[in-house]
Amino acid sequence: MMNQGQSTRRLSALRLGGLLVVSTLLAACAQKQPEPVAVKPEPKPEPKPVLLISDHHTRGNSDASISFTNGTEQTLQYVMFKTSAFTREGNPVNSKKSGRRNAWLRVAGPFAPGEQVGNKVWKKVWQHPNLGCFKIEGAELIFADQSVEYHGFDRFAMMNQSAMQNASCGGAGMRTAAQ
């Protein structure tokens, strides 16, 4: 049998070992930085504009004019702009050919990536004595490999006065000289 002195020393050694283990664990926990509960994902990069519109305006009481640059990384075979025209008072003007609310303005390429197309004019798109402006609502892009994409206005870079003209056309926003 063990005597009482050996038992006390053994308990003291166990207590001392236990305290050493607990203090080591506590020290390790104190040094460890808390892990975040949720990691915020990195924002996705803004998509590159597919078309850069440098100018668009009406000519006379029936024509449309658009200057643009191919912002894609592929050759465009055709671009078809979806447009809506308005009088100076903000009333809609229907397309002369189809009678519909929107007129599709097609231009044939090929247009290389980065190529500028200046002052493309479409004759007799609308017919109104008080034609004021037109909005570009989107564009259908037909690539040289025959693939087709439609992009809304939000994928264009509107440069110079085109952004203000597009936003104000149709009776909303500020009036511009083009109206």
Protein backbone atom coordinates (compact mmCIF):
# COMPACT_ATOMS: atom_id res chain seq x y z
CA MET A 1 0.00 0.00 0.00
CA MET A 2 0.96 3.57 -0.63
CA ASN A 3 1.47 5.80 2.21
CA GLN A 4 -0.10 9.15 2.51
CA GLY A 5 3.08 11.08 1.54
CA GLN A 6 3.46 9.27 -1.78
CA SER A 7 -0.20 9.79 -2.58
CA THR A 8 0.02 13.53 -1.91
CA ARG A 9 3.12 13.88 -4.08
CA ARG A 10 1.47 11.98 -6.86
CA LEU A 11 -1.66 14.19 -6.67
CA SER A 12 0.53 17.30 -6.63
CA ALA A 13 2.33 16.09 -9.76
CA LEU A 14 -0.99 15.39 -11.50
CA ARG A 15 -2.34 18.78 -10.45
CA LEU A 16 0.80 20.50 -11.66
CA GLY A 17 0.63 18.62 -15.00
CA GLY A 18 -3.05 19.43 -15.38
CA LEU A 19 -2.45 23.11 -14.67
CA LEU A 20 0.38 23.10 -17.20
CA VAL A 21 -1.85 21.55 -19.91
CA VAL A 22 -4.75 23.96 -19.16
CA SER A 23 -2.48 27.03 -19.18
CA THR A 24 -0.88 25.90 -22.46
CA LEU A 25 -4.30 25.47 -24.07
CA LEU A 26 -5.48 28.84 -22.78
CA ALA A 27 -2.34 30.53 -24.08
CA ALA A 28 -2.84 28.94 -27.50
CA CYS A 29 -6.47 30.07 -27.62
CA ALA A 30 -5.54 33.60 -26.57
CA GLN A 31 -3.05 33.91 -29.43
CA LYS A 32 -5.40 32.51 -32.08
CA GLN A 33 -7.36 35.18 -33.95
CA PRO A 34 -11.09 34.58 -34.21
CA GLU A 35 -12.16 33.29 -37.60
CA PRO A 36 -14.67 35.42 -39.49
CA VAL A 37 -18.17 34.02 -39.56
CA ALA A 38 -18.79 34.93 -43.20
CA VAL A 39 -16.27 35.85 -45.85
CA LYS A 40 -17.31 38.72 -48.09
CA PRO A 41 -16.90 37.63 -51.73
CA GLU A 42 -14.79 39.78 -53.98
CA PRO A 43 -16.93 41.92 -56.29
CA LYS A 44 -17.12 40.77 -59.87
CA PRO A 45 -15.44 43.14 -62.32
CA GLU A 46 -17.76 45.37 -64.31
CA PRO A 47 -18.38 43.93 -67.77
CA LYS A 48 -16.59 45.72 -70.57
CA PRO A 49 -18.91 47.83 -72.78
CA VAL A 50 -19.83 46.08 -76.04
CA LEU A 51 -20.39 49.36 -77.93
CA LEU A 52 -19.05 52.84 -77.32
CA ILE A 53 -21.58 55.37 -78.63
CA SER A 54 -19.83 58.68 -79.34
CA ASP A 55 -22.81 60.45 -80.95
CA HIS A 56 -26.42 59.84 -81.92
CA HIS A 57 -29.00 62.32 -83.15
CA THR A 58 -31.87 62.90 -85.54
CA ARG A 59 -31.34 64.64 -88.87
CA GLY A 60 -34.24 66.63 -90.24
CA ASN A 61 -37.68 65.16 -89.66
CA SER A 62 -36.95 61.53 -90.60
CA ASP A 63 -33.28 60.46 -90.41
CA ALA A 64 -31.07 58.93 -87.70
CA SER A 65 -27.31 59.16 -87.24
CA ILE A 66 -25.08 57.08 -84.91
CA SER A 67 -21.31 57.03 -84.41
CA PHE A 68 -19.93 54.07 -82.45
CA THR A 69 -16.92 51.87 -81.73
CA ASN A 70 -16.83 48.06 -81.52
CA GLY A 71 -16.01 47.41 -77.85
CA THR A 72 -16.00 43.61 -78.13
CA GLU A 73 -12.99 41.38 -78.64
CA GLN A 74 -14.51 39.85 -81.79
CA THR A 75 -15.24 41.05 -85.32
CA LEU A 76 -18.84 42.21 -85.77
CA GLN A 77 -20.60 41.34 -89.02
CA TYR A 78 -23.75 43.37 -88.30
CA VAL A 79 -25.06 45.68 -85.59
CA MET A 80 -28.81 46.24 -85.24
CA PHE A 81 -29.72 49.15 -82.95
CA LYS A 82 -33.13 49.05 -81.25
CA THR A 83 -34.38 52.66 -81.14
CA SER A 84 -37.44 54.68 -80.12
CA ALA A 85 -38.11 58.19 -81.44
CA PHE A 86 -39.99 61.10 -79.85
CA THR A 87 -41.27 64.54 -80.81
CA ARG A 88 -39.88 67.64 -79.14
CA GLU A 89 -42.86 67.46 -76.77
CA GLY A 90 -41.96 63.89 -75.73
CA ASN A 91 -44.66 62.05 -77.71
CA PRO A 92 -43.63 58.74 -79.32
CA VAL A 93 -43.10 58.54 -83.09
CA ASN A 94 -43.62 55.18 -84.79
CA SER A 95 -41.27 53.75 -87.39
CA LYS A 96 -42.15 54.83 -90.93
CA LYS A 97 -41.65 51.38 -92.49
CA SER A 98 -43.19 49.05 -89.90
CA GLY A 99 -45.49 51.44 -88.02
CA ARG A 100 -44.20 49.91 -84.79
CA ARG A 101 -42.99 51.70 -81.71
CA ASN A 102 -39.35 50.59 -82.19
CA ALA A 103 -37.22 50.97 -85.30
CA TRP A 104 -34.29 48.61 -85.84
CA LEU A 105 -31.32 50.32 -87.51
CA ARG A 106 -28.94 47.84 -89.16
CA VAL A 107 -25.38 48.51 -90.21
CA ALA A 108 -23.23 45.96 -92.02
CA GLY A 109 -19.58 45.36 -91.17
CA PRO A 110 -17.24 43.77 -90.77
CA PHE A 111 -16.08 45.87 -87.80
CA ALA A 112 -12.84 44.78 -86.14
CA PRO A 113 -12.43 45.06 -82.35
CA GLY A 114 -11.83 48.73 -81.51
CA GLU A 115 -12.87 49.93 -84.97
CA GLN A 116 -14.70 53.26 -85.06
CA VAL A 117 -17.74 53.76 -87.27
CA GLY A 118 -18.38 57.46 -87.69
CA ASN A 119 -21.65 59.17 -88.53
CA LYS A 120 -23.62 56.24 -89.95
CA VAL A 121 -26.92 57.67 -91.33
CA TRP A 122 -30.23 55.88 -91.87
CA LYS A 123 -32.66 57.73 -94.16
CA LYS A 124 -36.44 57.97 -93.66
CA VAL A 125 -36.63 55.95 -90.42
CA TRP A 126 -39.44 58.08 -89.00
CA GLN A 127 -41.62 60.78 -90.50
CA HIS A 128 -42.78 63.62 -88.25
CA PRO A 129 -42.57 67.41 -88.74
CA ASN A 130 -41.61 67.83 -85.07
CA LEU A 131 -39.15 64.91 -84.68
CA GLY A 132 -36.96 65.71 -81.70
CA CYS A 133 -34.77 62.80 -80.64
CA PHE A 134 -34.36 59.04 -80.42
CA LYS A 135 -33.22 56.67 -77.71
CA ILE A 136 -30.95 53.70 -78.24
CA GLU A 137 -32.52 50.97 -76.13
CA GLY A 138 -30.23 48.09 -77.07
CA ALA A 139 -28.41 46.38 -79.90
CA GLU A 140 -28.25 42.97 -81.46
CA LEU A 141 -24.66 42.06 -82.30
CA ILE A 142 -24.05 39.48 -85.01
CA PHE A 143 -20.46 38.30 -84.97
CA ALA A 144 -18.36 37.02 -87.88
CA ASP A 145 -18.75 33.45 -86.54
CA GLN A 146 -22.58 33.92 -86.85
CA SER A 147 -23.14 33.96 -83.06
CA VAL A 148 -25.72 36.52 -81.91
CA GLU A 149 -25.97 38.52 -78.69
CA TYR A 150 -28.50 41.13 -77.57
CA HIS A 151 -27.36 43.78 -75.11
CA GLY A 152 -29.41 46.47 -73.43
CA PHE A 153 -28.41 50.07 -72.98
CA ASP A 154 -26.59 49.22 -69.74
CA ARG A 155 -23.79 47.47 -71.66
CA PHE A 156 -22.96 50.55 -73.76
CA ALA A 157 -20.53 53.33 -72.95
CA MET A 158 -22.34 56.53 -73.89
CA MET A 159 -19.74 59.21 -74.56
CA ASN A 160 -19.83 62.97 -75.11
CA GLN A 161 -23.46 64.19 -75.06
CA SER A 162 -24.99 60.83 -75.99
CA ALA A 163 -25.64 59.75 -72.39
CA MET A 164 -27.58 62.92 -71.61
CA GLN A 165 -29.42 62.78 -74.94
CA ASN A 166 -30.43 59.16 -74.41
CA ALA A 167 -31.57 59.79 -70.82
CA SER A 168 -33.61 62.90 -71.59
CA CYS A 169 -35.24 61.73 -74.83
CA GLY A 170 -38.93 60.95 -74.51
CA GLY A 171 -39.97 63.63 -72.06
CA ALA A 172 -37.98 62.45 -69.04
CA GLY A 173 -35.02 64.37 -67.66
CA MET A 174 -33.40 67.51 -68.93
CA ARG A 175 -33.91 68.82 -72.47
CA THR A 176 -30.87 68.97 -74.74
CA ALA A 177 -29.97 71.03 -77.78
CA ALA A 178 -30.53 67.94 -79.95
CA GLN A 179 -34.18 67.99 -78.95
